Amino acid sequence: MSNVIELLRDLGTDVIIETSSEGALRALSNGAYHVVISDMERDAVPDEGIKFLKRMRDQGIVIPVIFTVGRFNPALGVPAFAFGITNRVDECLNLVFDALERALG
């Protein structure tokens, strides 16, 4: 994600990095964010991203979530309530810009 982070920061976008679901949930509950980029697998848990998204929704945090994965299988589709899923930097950026455009106009 270092390339995505660098590009977003070069464009003047504030980027906050959290390395755990708990840290991200704390940050999301304390601030105003427009989009979340999350790994699907975290801490050796293959579906941690899905669990994180469910916890976000359970806490009433409803903002676009974009998942990144190592091996993307388009046949599986986009997880429920997720904005998108990809393993490519260009697609990730397109999804981020789409989510920001919808949020900010």
PDB file of N, CA and C in Angstrom:
ATOM      1  N   MET A   1       0.806  -1.203   0.000  1.00  0.00           N
ATOM      2  CA  MET A   1       0.000   0.000   0.000  1.00  0.00           C
ATOM      3  C   MET A   1       0.847   1.265   0.000  1.00  0.00           C
ATOM      4  N   SER A   2       2.154   1.121   0.097  1.00  0.00           N
ATOM      5  CA  SER A   2       2.999   2.323   0.171  1.00  0.00           C
ATOM      6  C   SER A   2       2.846   3.205  -1.059  1.00  0.00           C
ATOM      7  N   ASN A   3       2.683   2.610  -2.238  1.00  0.00           N
ATOM      8  CA  ASN A   3       2.498   3.410  -3.456  1.00  0.00           C
ATOM      9  C   ASN A   3       1.178   4.179  -3.416  1.00  0.00           C
ATOM     10  N   VAL A   4       0.114   3.532  -2.976  1.00  0.00           N
ATOM     11  CA  VAL A   4      -1.193   4.190  -2.882  1.00  0.00           C
ATOM     12  C   VAL A   4      -1.123   5.323  -1.864  1.00  0.00           C
ATOM     13  N   ILE A   5      -0.529   5.058  -0.713  1.00  0.00           N
ATOM     14  CA  ILE A   5      -0.408   6.079   0.336  1.00  0.00           C
ATOM     15  C   ILE A   5       0.380   7.278  -0.174  1.00  0.00           C
ATOM     16  N   GLU A   6       1.501   7.023  -0.823  1.00  0.00           N
ATOM     17  CA  GLU A   6       2.337   8.105  -1.340  1.00  0.00           C
ATOM     18  C   GLU A   6       1.592   8.939  -2.374  1.00  0.00           C
ATOM     19  N   LEU A   7       0.899   8.283  -3.293  1.00  0.00           N
ATOM     20  CA  LEU A   7       0.148   9.014  -4.313  1.00  0.00           C
ATOM     21  C   LEU A   7      -0.959   9.858  -3.690  1.00  0.00           C
ATOM     22  N   LEU A   8      -1.695   9.301  -2.747  1.00  0.00           N
ATOM     23  CA  LEU A   8      -2.769  10.054  -2.105  1.00  0.00           C
ATOM     24  C   LEU A   8      -2.220  11.253  -1.341  1.00  0.00           C
ATOM     25  N   ARG A   9      -1.126  11.050  -0.635  1.00  0.00           N
ATOM     26  CA  ARG A   9      -0.523  12.172   0.099  1.00  0.00           C
ATOM     27  C   ARG A   9       0.008  13.231  -0.856  1.00  0.00           C
ATOM     28  N   ASP A  10       0.598  12.810  -1.982  1.00  0.00           N
ATOM     29  CA  ASP A  10       1.082  13.770  -2.984  1.00  0.00           C
ATOM     30  C   ASP A  10      -0.070  14.617  -3.527  1.00  0.00           C
ATOM     31  N   LEU A  11      -1.277  14.069  -3.527  1.00  0.00           N
ATOM     32  CA  LEU A  11      -2.459  14.792  -4.004  1.00  0.00           C
ATOM     33  C   LEU A  11      -3.110  15.616  -2.902  1.00  0.00           C
ATOM     34  N   GLY A  12      -2.499  15.629  -1.723  1.00  0.00           N
ATOM     35  CA  GLY A  12      -3.021  16.435  -0.628  1.00  0.00           C
ATOM     36  C   GLY A  12      -4.086  15.759   0.212  1.00  0.00           C
ATOM     37  N   THR A  13      -4.205  14.463   0.086  1.00  0.00           N
ATOM     38  CA  THR A  13      -5.196  13.711   0.854  1.00  0.00           C
ATOM     39  C   THR A  13      -4.599  13.307   2.201  1.00  0.00           C
ATOM     40  N   ASP A  14      -5.343  13.531   3.268  1.00  0.00           N
ATOM     41  CA  ASP A  14      -4.904  13.059   4.578  1.00  0.00           C
ATOM     42  C   ASP A  14      -5.062  11.546   4.635  1.00  0.00           C
ATOM     43  N   VAL A  15      -4.019  10.863   5.024  1.00  0.00           N
ATOM     44  CA  VAL A  15      -4.030   9.406   5.136  1.00  0.00           C
ATOM     45  C   VAL A  15      -3.657   9.035   6.563  1.00  0.00           C
ATOM     46  N   ILE A  16      -4.531   8.310   7.229  1.00  0.00           N
ATOM     47  CA  ILE A  16      -4.284   7.811   8.575  1.00  0.00           C
ATOM     48  C   ILE A  16      -4.087   6.304   8.456  1.00  0.00           C
ATOM     49  N   ILE A  17      -3.038   5.798   9.066  1.00  0.00           N
ATOM     50  CA  ILE A  17      -2.731   4.368   8.970  1.00  0.00           C
ATOM     51  C   ILE A  17      -2.958   3.703  10.323  1.00  0.00           C
ATOM     52  N   GLU A  18      -3.745   2.650  10.311  1.00  0.00           N
ATOM     53  CA  GLU A  18      -3.949   1.795  11.479  1.00  0.00           C
ATOM     54  C   GLU A  18      -3.616   0.376  11.047  1.00  0.00           C
ATOM     55  N   THR A  19      -2.976  -0.385  11.913  1.00  0.00           N
ATOM     56  CA  THR A  19      -2.544  -1.734  11.530  1.00  0.00           C
ATOM     57  C   THR A  19      -3.396  -2.834  12.144  1.00  0.00           C
ATOM     58  N   SER A  20      -4.413  -2.453  12.907  1.00  0.00           N
ATOM     59  CA  SER A  20      -5.300  -3.461  13.494  1.00  0.00           C
ATOM     60  C   SER A  20      -6.742  -3.007  13.333  1.00  0.00           C
ATOM     61  N   SER A  21      -7.646  -3.949  13.360  1.00  0.00           N
ATOM     62  CA  SER A  21      -9.069  -3.620  13.279  1.00  0.00           C
ATOM     63  C   SER A  21      -9.491  -2.777  14.469  1.00  0.00           C
ATOM     64  N   GLU A  22      -8.977  -3.107  15.654  1.00  0.00           N
ATOM     65  CA  GLU A  22      -9.339  -2.362  16.856  1.00  0.00           C
ATOM     66  C   GLU A  22      -8.894  -0.903  16.744  1.00  0.00           C
ATOM     67  N   GLY A  23      -7.670  -0.689  16.304  1.00  0.00           N
ATOM     68  CA  GLY A  23      -7.161   0.668  16.131  1.00  0.00           C
ATOM     69  C   GLY A  23      -7.958   1.441  15.094  1.00  0.00           C
ATOM     70  N   ALA A  24      -8.302   0.776  14.009  1.00  0.00           N
ATOM     71  CA  ALA A  24      -9.086   1.434  12.959  1.00  0.00           C
ATOM     72  C   ALA A  24     -10.472   1.796  13.463  1.00  0.00           C
ATOM     73  N   LEU A  25     -11.102   0.912  14.210  1.00  0.00           N
ATOM     74  CA  LEU A  25     -12.432   1.210  14.755  1.00  0.00           C
ATOM     75  C   LEU A  25     -12.380   2.384  15.728  1.00  0.00           C
ATOM     76  N   ARG A  26     -11.340   2.447  16.547  1.00  0.00           N
ATOM     77  CA  ARG A  26     -11.181   3.592  17.456  1.00  0.00           C
ATOM     78  C   ARG A  26     -11.042   4.888  16.656  1.00  0.00           C
ATOM     79  N   ALA A  27     -10.202   4.859  15.648  1.00  0.00           N
ATOM     80  CA  ALA A  27      -9.985   6.055  14.826  1.00  0.00           C
ATOM     81  C   ALA A  27     -11.282   6.467  14.126  1.00  0.00           C
ATOM     82  N   LEU A  28     -11.993   5.493  13.587  1.00  0.00           N
ATOM     83  CA  LEU A  28     -13.237   5.797  12.871  1.00  0.00           C
ATOM     84  C   LEU A  28     -14.300   6.359  13.801  1.00  0.00           C
ATOM     85  N   SER A  29     -14.312   5.911  15.044  1.00  0.00           N
ATOM     86  CA  SER A  29     -15.325   6.406  15.979  1.00  0.00           C
ATOM     87  C   SER A  29     -14.983   7.799  16.494  1.00  0.00           C
ATOM     88  N   ASN A  30     -13.730   8.227  16.334  1.00  0.00           N
ATOM     89  CA  ASN A  30     -13.292   9.528  16.842  1.00  0.00           C
ATOM     90  C   ASN A  30     -13.104  10.584  15.759  1.00  0.00           C
ATOM     91  N   GLY A  31     -13.281  10.228  14.508  1.00  0.00           N
ATOM     92  CA  GLY A  31     -13.013  11.192  13.448  1.00  0.00           C
ATOM     93  C   GLY A  31     -13.966  11.066  12.289  1.00  0.00           C
ATOM     94  N   ALA A  32     -13.854  12.024  11.391  1.00  0.00           N
ATOM     95  CA  ALA A  32     -14.672  12.022  10.183  1.00  0.00           C
ATOM     96  C   ALA A  32     -13.809  11.560   9.008  1.00  0.00           C
ATOM     97  N   TYR A  33     -14.163  10.433   8.449  1.00  0.00           N
ATOM     98  CA  TYR A  33     -13.411   9.876   7.325  1.00  0.00           C
ATOM     99  C   TYR A  33     -14.367   9.647   6.165  1.00  0.00           C
ATOM    100  N   HIS A  34     -13.815   9.643   4.952  1.00  0.00           N
ATOM    101  CA  HIS A  34     -14.630   9.489   3.757  1.00  0.00           C
ATOM    102  C   HIS A  34     -14.513   8.125   3.114  1.00  0.00           C
ATOM    103  N   VAL A  35     -13.419   7.407   3.390  1.00  0.00           N
ATOM    104  CA  VAL A  35     -13.217   6.089   2.783  1.00  0.00           C
ATOM    105  C   VAL A  35     -12.202   5.313   3.627  1.00  0.00           C
ATOM    106  N   VAL A  36     -12.357   3.998   3.627  1.00  0.00           N
ATOM    107  CA  VAL A  36     -11.433   3.094   4.314  1.00  0.00           C
ATOM    108  C   VAL A  36     -10.862   2.136   3.283  1.00  0.00           C
ATOM    109  N   ILE A  37      -9.554   1.949   3.326  1.00  0.00           N
ATOM    110  CA  ILE A  37      -8.901   0.902   2.536  1.00  0.00           C
ATOM    111  C   ILE A  37      -8.430  -0.138   3.542  1.00  0.00           C
ATOM    112  N   SER A  38      -8.865  -1.370   3.362  1.00  0.00           N
ATOM    113  CA  SER A  38      -8.548  -2.423   4.323  1.00  0.00           C
ATOM    114  C   SER A  38      -8.047  -3.667   3.613  1.00  0.00           C
ATOM    115  N   ASP A  39      -7.029  -4.266   4.187  1.00  0.00           N
ATOM    116  CA  ASP A  39      -6.632  -5.596   3.721  1.00  0.00           C
ATOM    117  C   ASP A  39      -7.751  -6.562   4.068  1.00  0.00           C
ATOM    118  N   MET A  40      -7.949  -7.539   3.234  1.00  0.00           N
ATOM    119  CA  MET A  40      -8.938  -8.572   3.534  1.00  0.00           C
ATOM    120  C   MET A  40      -8.404  -9.482   4.634  1.00  0.00           C
ATOM    121  N   GLU A  41      -7.117  -9.836   4.527  1.00  0.00           N
ATOM    122  CA  GLU A  41      -6.487 -10.708   5.527  1.00  0.00           C
ATOM    123  C   GLU A  41      -5.599  -9.856   6.426  1.00  0.00           C
ATOM    124  N   ARG A  42      -5.742 -10.074   7.732  1.00  0.00           N
ATOM    125  CA  ARG A  42      -4.932  -9.329   8.689  1.00  0.00           C
ATOM    126  C   ARG A  42      -4.690 -10.218   9.895  1.00  0.00           C
ATOM    127  N   ASP A  43      -3.498 -10.143  10.453  1.00  0.00           N
ATOM    128  CA  ASP A  43      -3.145 -10.922  11.642  1.00  0.00           C
ATOM    129  C   ASP A  43      -3.398 -12.419  11.440  1.00  0.00           C
ATOM    130  N   ALA A  44      -3.075 -12.908  10.242  1.00  0.00           N
ATOM    131  CA  ALA A  44      -3.221 -14.329   9.871  1.00  0.00           C
ATOM    132  C   ALA A  44      -4.673 -14.798   9.907  1.00  0.00           C
ATOM    133  N   VAL A  45      -5.626 -13.866   9.850  1.00  0.00           N
ATOM    134  CA  VAL A  45      -7.048 -14.214   9.795  1.00  0.00           C
ATOM    135  C   VAL A  45      -7.520 -13.878   8.379  1.00  0.00           C
ATOM    136  N   PRO A  46      -7.842 -14.901   7.569  1.00  0.00           N
ATOM    137  CA  PRO A  46      -8.140 -14.670   6.157  1.00  0.00           C
ATOM    138  C   PRO A  46      -9.347 -13.771   5.905  1.00  0.00           C
ATOM    139  N   ASP A  47     -10.325 -13.753   6.802  1.00  0.00           N
ATOM    140  CA  ASP A  47     -11.524 -12.943   6.588  1.00  0.00           C
ATOM    141  C   ASP A  47     -11.647 -11.802   7.607  1.00  0.00           C
ATOM    142  N   GLU A  48     -10.506 -11.340   8.127  1.00  0.00           N
ATOM    143  CA  GLU A  48     -10.539 -10.253   9.111  1.00  0.00           C
ATOM    144  C   GLU A  48     -11.183  -8.993   8.538  1.00  0.00           C
ATOM    145  N   GLY A  49     -10.979  -8.749   7.259  1.00  0.00           N
ATOM    146  CA  GLY A  49     -11.591  -7.577   6.631  1.00  0.00           C
ATOM    147  C   GLY A  49     -13.109  -7.634   6.684  1.00  0.00           C
ATOM    148  N   ILE A  50     -13.677  -8.795   6.420  1.00  0.00           N
ATOM    149  CA  ILE A  50     -15.134  -8.966   6.475  1.00  0.00           C
ATOM    150  C   ILE A  50     -15.619  -8.770   7.912  1.00  0.00           C
ATOM    151  N   LYS A  51     -14.890  -9.329   8.862  1.00  0.00           N
ATOM    152  CA  LYS A  51     -15.261  -9.162  10.273  1.00  0.00           C
ATOM    153  C   LYS A  51     -15.185  -7.690  10.669  1.00  0.00           C
ATOM    154  N   PHE A  52     -14.153  -6.993  10.192  1.00  0.00           N
ATOM    155  CA  PHE A  52     -13.986  -5.570  10.458  1.00  0.00           C
ATOM    156  C   PHE A  52     -15.158  -4.771   9.888  1.00  0.00           C
ATOM    157  N   LEU A  53     -15.537  -5.055   8.663  1.00  0.00           N
ATOM    158  CA  LEU A  53     -16.658  -4.365   8.030  1.00  0.00           C
ATOM    159  C   LEU A  53     -17.946  -4.581   8.819  1.00  0.00           C
ATOM    160  N   LYS A  54     -18.172  -5.803   9.289  1.00  0.00           N
ATOM    161  CA  LYS A  54     -19.366  -6.085  10.094  1.00  0.00           C
ATOM    162  C   LYS A  54     -19.330  -5.284  11.398  1.00  0.00           C
ATOM    163  N   ARG A  55     -18.172  -5.227  12.032  1.00  0.00           N
ATOM    164  CA  ARG A  55     -18.052  -4.456  13.277  1.00  0.00           C
ATOM    165  C   ARG A  55     -18.279  -2.968  13.028  1.00  0.00           C
ATOM    166  N   MET A  56     -17.795  -2.465  11.886  1.00  0.00           N
ATOM    167  CA  MET A  56     -18.061  -1.069  11.526  1.00  0.00           C
ATOM    168  C   MET A  56     -19.558  -0.821  11.449  1.00  0.00           C
ATOM    169  N   ARG A  57     -20.250  -1.670  10.719  1.00  0.00           N
ATOM    170  CA  ARG A  57     -21.695  -1.493  10.531  1.00  0.00           C
ATOM    171  C   ARG A  57     -22.438  -1.658  11.852  1.00  0.00           C
ATOM    172  N   ASP A  58     -22.001  -2.612  12.681  1.00  0.00           N
ATOM    173  CA  ASP A  58     -22.641  -2.802  13.990  1.00  0.00           C
ATOM    174  C   ASP A  58     -22.510  -1.554  14.857  1.00  0.00           C
ATOM    175  N   GLN A  59     -21.428  -0.796  14.666  1.00  0.00           N
ATOM    176  CA  GLN A  59     -21.206   0.429  15.433  1.00  0.00           C
ATOM    177  C   GLN A  59     -21.790   1.666  14.752  1.00  0.00           C
ATOM    178  N   GLY A  60     -22.490   1.441  13.640  1.00  0.00           N
ATOM    179  CA  GLY A  60     -23.115   2.556  12.935  1.00  0.00           C
ATOM    180  C   GLY A  60     -22.168   3.366  12.079  1.00  0.00           C
ATOM    181  N   ILE A  61     -21.005   2.822  11.787  1.00  0.00           N
ATOM    182  CA  ILE A  61     -20.026   3.502  10.934  1.00  0.00           C
ATOM    183  C   ILE A  61     -20.267   3.031   9.504  1.00  0.00           C
ATOM    184  N   VAL A  62     -20.845   3.897   8.697  1.00  0.00           N
ATOM    185  CA  VAL A  62     -21.210   3.524   7.331  1.00  0.00           C
ATOM    186  C   VAL A  62     -20.492   4.460   6.362  1.00  0.00           C
ATOM    187  N   ILE A  63     -19.305   4.065   5.967  1.00  0.00           N
ATOM    188  CA  ILE A  63     -18.543   4.769   4.939  1.00  0.00           C
ATOM    189  C   ILE A  63     -17.989   3.712   3.993  1.00  0.00           C
ATOM    190  N   PRO A  64     -17.638   4.105   2.761  1.00  0.00           N
ATOM    191  CA  PRO A  64     -17.148   3.123   1.796  1.00  0.00           C
ATOM    192  C   PRO A  64     -15.886   2.413   2.272  1.00  0.00           C
ATOM    193  N   VAL A  65     -15.881   1.095   2.103  1.00  0.00           N
ATOM    194  CA  VAL A  65     -14.717   0.265   2.423  1.00  0.00           C
ATOM    195  C   VAL A  65     -14.233  -0.402   1.147  1.00  0.00           C
ATOM    196  N   ILE A  66     -12.968  -0.229   0.864  1.00  0.00           N
ATOM    197  CA  ILE A  66     -12.324  -0.861  -0.286  1.00  0.00           C
ATOM    198  C   ILE A  66     -11.359  -1.896   0.253  1.00  0.00           C
ATOM    199  N   PHE A  67     -11.523  -3.137  -0.196  1.00  0.00           N
ATOM    200  CA  PHE A  67     -10.648  -4.208   0.247  1.00  0.00           C
ATOM    201  C   PHE A  67      -9.525  -4.436  -0.746  1.00  0.00           C
ATOM    202  N   THR A  68      -8.334  -4.698  -0.204  1.00  0.00           N
ATOM    203  CA  THR A  68      -7.216  -5.140  -1.025  1.00  0.00           C
ATOM    204  C   THR A  68      -6.929  -6.593  -0.681  1.00  0.00           C
ATOM    205  N   VAL A  69      -6.610  -7.351  -1.695  1.00  0.00           N
ATOM    206  CA  VAL A  69      -6.337  -8.775  -1.515  1.00  0.00           C
ATOM    207  C   VAL A  69      -5.095  -9.151  -2.305  1.00  0.00           C
ATOM    208  N   GLY A  70      -4.428 -10.212  -1.853  1.00  0.00           N
ATOM    209  CA  GLY A  70      -3.252 -10.697  -2.570  1.00  0.00           C
ATOM    210  C   GLY A  70      -3.628 -11.387  -3.868  1.00  0.00           C
ATOM    211  N   ARG A  71      -4.613 -12.240  -3.767  1.00  0.00           N
ATOM    212  CA  ARG A  71      -5.073 -12.972  -4.953  1.00  0.00           C
ATOM    213  C   ARG A  71      -6.555 -12.701  -5.129  1.00  0.00           C
ATOM    214  N   PHE A  72      -6.864 -11.966  -6.179  1.00  0.00           N
ATOM    215  CA  PHE A  72      -8.231 -11.536  -6.420  1.00  0.00           C
ATOM    216  C   PHE A  72      -8.908 -12.499  -7.385  1.00  0.00           C
ATOM    217  N   ASN A  73     -10.064 -12.985  -7.003  1.00  0.00           N
ATOM    218  CA  ASN A  73     -10.867 -13.849  -7.869  1.00  0.00           C
ATOM    219  C   ASN A  73     -12.168 -13.112  -8.177  1.00  0.00           C
ATOM    220  N   PRO A  74     -12.253 -12.472  -9.354  1.00  0.00           N
ATOM    221  CA  PRO A  74     -13.448 -11.694  -9.685  1.00  0.00           C
ATOM    222  C   PRO A  74     -14.739 -12.505  -9.641  1.00  0.00           C
ATOM    223  N   ALA A  75     -14.650 -13.817  -9.812  1.00  0.00           N
ATOM    224  CA  ALA A  75     -15.844 -14.656  -9.783  1.00  0.00           C
ATOM    225  C   ALA A  75     -16.521 -14.633  -8.412  1.00  0.00           C
ATOM    226  N   LEU A  76     -15.760 -14.301  -7.363  1.00  0.00           N
ATOM    227  CA  LEU A  76     -16.342 -14.249  -6.024  1.00  0.00           C
ATOM    228  C   LEU A  76     -17.128 -12.964  -5.781  1.00  0.00           C
ATOM    229  N   GLY A  77     -16.933 -11.965  -6.630  1.00  0.00           N
ATOM    230  CA  GLY A  77     -17.653 -10.706  -6.500  1.00  0.00           C
ATOM    231  C   GLY A  77     -17.151  -9.856  -5.353  1.00  0.00           C
ATOM    232  N   VAL A  78     -17.875  -8.787  -5.096  1.00  0.00           N
ATOM    233  CA  VAL A  78     -17.536  -7.845  -4.031  1.00  0.00           C
ATOM    234  C   VAL A  78     -18.274  -8.275  -2.768  1.00  0.00           C
ATOM    235  N   PRO A  79     -17.595  -8.307  -1.630  1.00  0.00           N
ATOM    236  CA  PRO A  79     -18.268  -8.673  -0.384  1.00  0.00           C
ATOM    237  C   PRO A  79     -19.446  -7.734  -0.090  1.00  0.00           C
ATOM    238  N   ALA A  80     -20.470  -8.266   0.544  1.00  0.00           N
ATOM    239  CA  ALA A  80     -21.641  -7.468   0.885  1.00  0.00           C
ATOM    240  C   ALA A  80     -21.242  -6.235   1.679  1.00  0.00           C
ATOM    241  N   PHE A  81     -21.806  -5.102   1.323  1.00  0.00           N
ATOM    242  CA  PHE A  81     -21.610  -3.805   1.970  1.00  0.00           C
ATOM    243  C   PHE A  81     -20.243  -3.187   1.715  1.00  0.00           C
ATOM    244  N   ALA A  82     -19.398  -3.838   0.922  1.00  0.00           N
ATOM    245  CA  ALA A  82     -18.102  -3.249   0.569  1.00  0.00           C
ATOM    246  C   ALA A  82     -18.267  -2.397  -0.685  1.00  0.00           C
ATOM    247  N   PHE A  83     -17.465  -1.361  -0.800  1.00  0.00           N
ATOM    248  CA  PHE A  83     -17.504  -0.487  -1.972  1.00  0.00           C
ATOM    249  C   PHE A  83     -16.793  -1.139  -3.156  1.00  0.00           C
ATOM    250  N   GLY A  84     -15.751  -1.914  -2.858  1.00  0.00           N
ATOM    251  CA  GLY A  84     -15.007  -2.570  -3.921  1.00  0.00           C
ATOM    252  C   GLY A  84     -13.922  -3.464  -3.359  1.00  0.00           C
ATOM    253  N   ILE A  85     -13.300  -4.221  -4.254  1.00  0.00           N
ATOM    254  CA  ILE A  85     -12.213  -5.123  -3.876  1.00  0.00           C
ATOM    255  C   ILE A  85     -11.256  -5.231  -5.062  1.00  0.00           C
ATOM    256  N   THR A  86      -9.963  -5.238  -4.775  1.00  0.00           N
ATOM    257  CA  THR A  86      -8.984  -5.290  -5.856  1.00  0.00           C
ATOM    258  C   THR A  86      -7.628  -5.751  -5.334  1.00  0.00           C
ATOM    259  N   ASN A  87      -6.771  -6.102  -6.256  1.00  0.00           N
ATOM    260  CA  ASN A  87      -5.371  -6.373  -5.927  1.00  0.00           C
ATOM    261  C   ASN A  87      -4.448  -5.512  -6.779  1.00  0.00           C
ATOM    262  N   ARG A  88      -5.022  -4.490  -7.419  1.00  0.00           N
ATOM    263  CA  ARG A  88      -4.235  -3.626  -8.302  1.00  0.00           C
ATOM    264  C   ARG A  88      -4.227  -2.192  -7.782  1.00  0.00           C
ATOM    265  N   VAL A  89      -3.072  -1.551  -7.855  1.00  0.00           N
ATOM    266  CA  VAL A  89      -2.927  -0.177  -7.384  1.00  0.00           C
ATOM    267  C   VAL A  89      -3.834   0.766  -8.167  1.00  0.00           C
ATOM    268  N   ASP A  90      -3.858   0.647  -9.496  1.00  0.00           N
ATOM    269  CA  ASP A  90      -4.670   1.557 -10.302  1.00  0.00           C
ATOM    270  C   ASP A  90      -6.157   1.416  -9.989  1.00  0.00           C
ATOM    271  N   GLU A  91      -6.626   0.187  -9.817  1.00  0.00           N
ATOM    272  CA  GLU A  91      -8.033  -0.021  -9.469  1.00  0.00           C
ATOM    273  C   GLU A  91      -8.342   0.509  -8.073  1.00  0.00           C
ATOM    274  N   CYS A  92      -7.419   0.323  -7.150  1.00  0.00           N
ATOM    275  CA  CYS A  92      -7.611   0.836  -5.793  1.00  0.00           C
ATOM    276  C   CYS A  92      -7.775   2.351  -5.839  1.00  0.00           C
ATOM    277  N   LEU A  93      -6.904   3.032  -6.564  1.00  0.00           N
ATOM    278  CA  LEU A  93      -6.998   4.485  -6.677  1.00  0.00           C
ATOM    279  C   LEU A  93      -8.300   4.907  -7.346  1.00  0.00           C
ATOM    280  N   ASN A  94      -8.720   4.196  -8.392  1.00  0.00           N
ATOM    281  CA  ASN A  94      -9.990   4.520  -9.042  1.00  0.00           C
ATOM    282  C   ASN A  94     -11.154   4.382  -8.064  1.00  0.00           C
ATOM    283  N   LEU A  95     -11.139   3.329  -7.263  1.00  0.00           N
ATOM    284  CA  LEU A  95     -12.197   3.144  -6.266  1.00  0.00           C
ATOM    285  C   LEU A  95     -12.167   4.245  -5.213  1.00  0.00           C
ATOM    286  N   VAL A  96     -10.981   4.614  -4.765  1.00  0.00           N
ATOM    287  CA  VAL A  96     -10.853   5.696  -3.778  1.00  0.00           C
ATOM    288  C   VAL A  96     -11.402   6.996  -4.355  1.00  0.00           C
ATOM    289  N   PHE A  97     -10.996   7.342  -5.570  1.00  0.00           N
ATOM    290  CA  PHE A  97     -11.462   8.591  -6.172  1.00  0.00           C
ATOM    291  C   PHE A  97     -12.972   8.568  -6.405  1.00  0.00           C
ATOM    292  N   ASP A  98     -13.509   7.418  -6.767  1.00  0.00           N
ATOM    293  CA  ASP A  98     -14.963   7.283  -6.953  1.00  0.00           C
ATOM    294  C   ASP A  98     -15.673   7.504  -5.622  1.00  0.00           C
ATOM    295  N   ALA A  99     -15.177   6.883  -4.558  1.00  0.00           N
ATOM    296  CA  ALA A  99     -15.797   7.036  -3.231  1.00  0.00           C
ATOM    297  C   ALA A  99     -15.698   8.494  -2.758  1.00  0.00           C
ATOM    298  N   LEU A 100     -14.536   9.128  -2.962  1.00  0.00           N
ATOM    299  CA  LEU A 100     -14.378  10.517  -2.546  1.00  0.00           C
ATOM    300  C   LEU A 100     -15.284  11.449  -3.348  1.00  0.00           C
ATOM    301  N   GLU A 101     -15.405  11.192  -4.637  1.00  0.00           N
ATOM    302  CA  GLU A 101     -16.286  12.027  -5.467  1.00  0.00           C
ATOM    303  C   GLU A 101     -17.737  11.920  -4.994  1.00  0.00           C
ATOM    304  N   ARG A 102     -18.166  10.719  -4.640  1.00  0.00           N
ATOM    305  CA  ARG A 102     -19.530  10.538  -4.156  1.00  0.00           C
ATOM    306  C   ARG A 102     -19.728  11.219  -2.795  1.00  0.00           C
ATOM    307  N   ALA A 103     -18.702  11.158  -1.942  1.00  0.00           N
ATOM    308  CA  ALA A 103     -18.815  11.734  -0.608  1.00  0.00           C
ATOM    309  C   ALA A 103     -18.701  13.257  -0.617  1.00  0.00           C
ATOM    310  N   LEU A 104     -17.828  13.778  -1.465  1.00  0.00           N
ATOM    311  CA  LEU A 104     -17.524  15.205  -1.427  1.00  0.00           C
ATOM    312  C   LEU A 104     -18.148  16.003  -2.571  1.00  0.00           C
ATOM    313  N   GLY A 105     -18.626  15.274  -3.580  1.00  0.00           N
ATOM    314  CA  GLY A 105     -19.255  15.953  -4.714  1.00  0.00           C
ATOM    315  C   GLY A 105     -18.311  16.470  -5.734  1.00  0.00           C
TER     316      GLY A 105
END
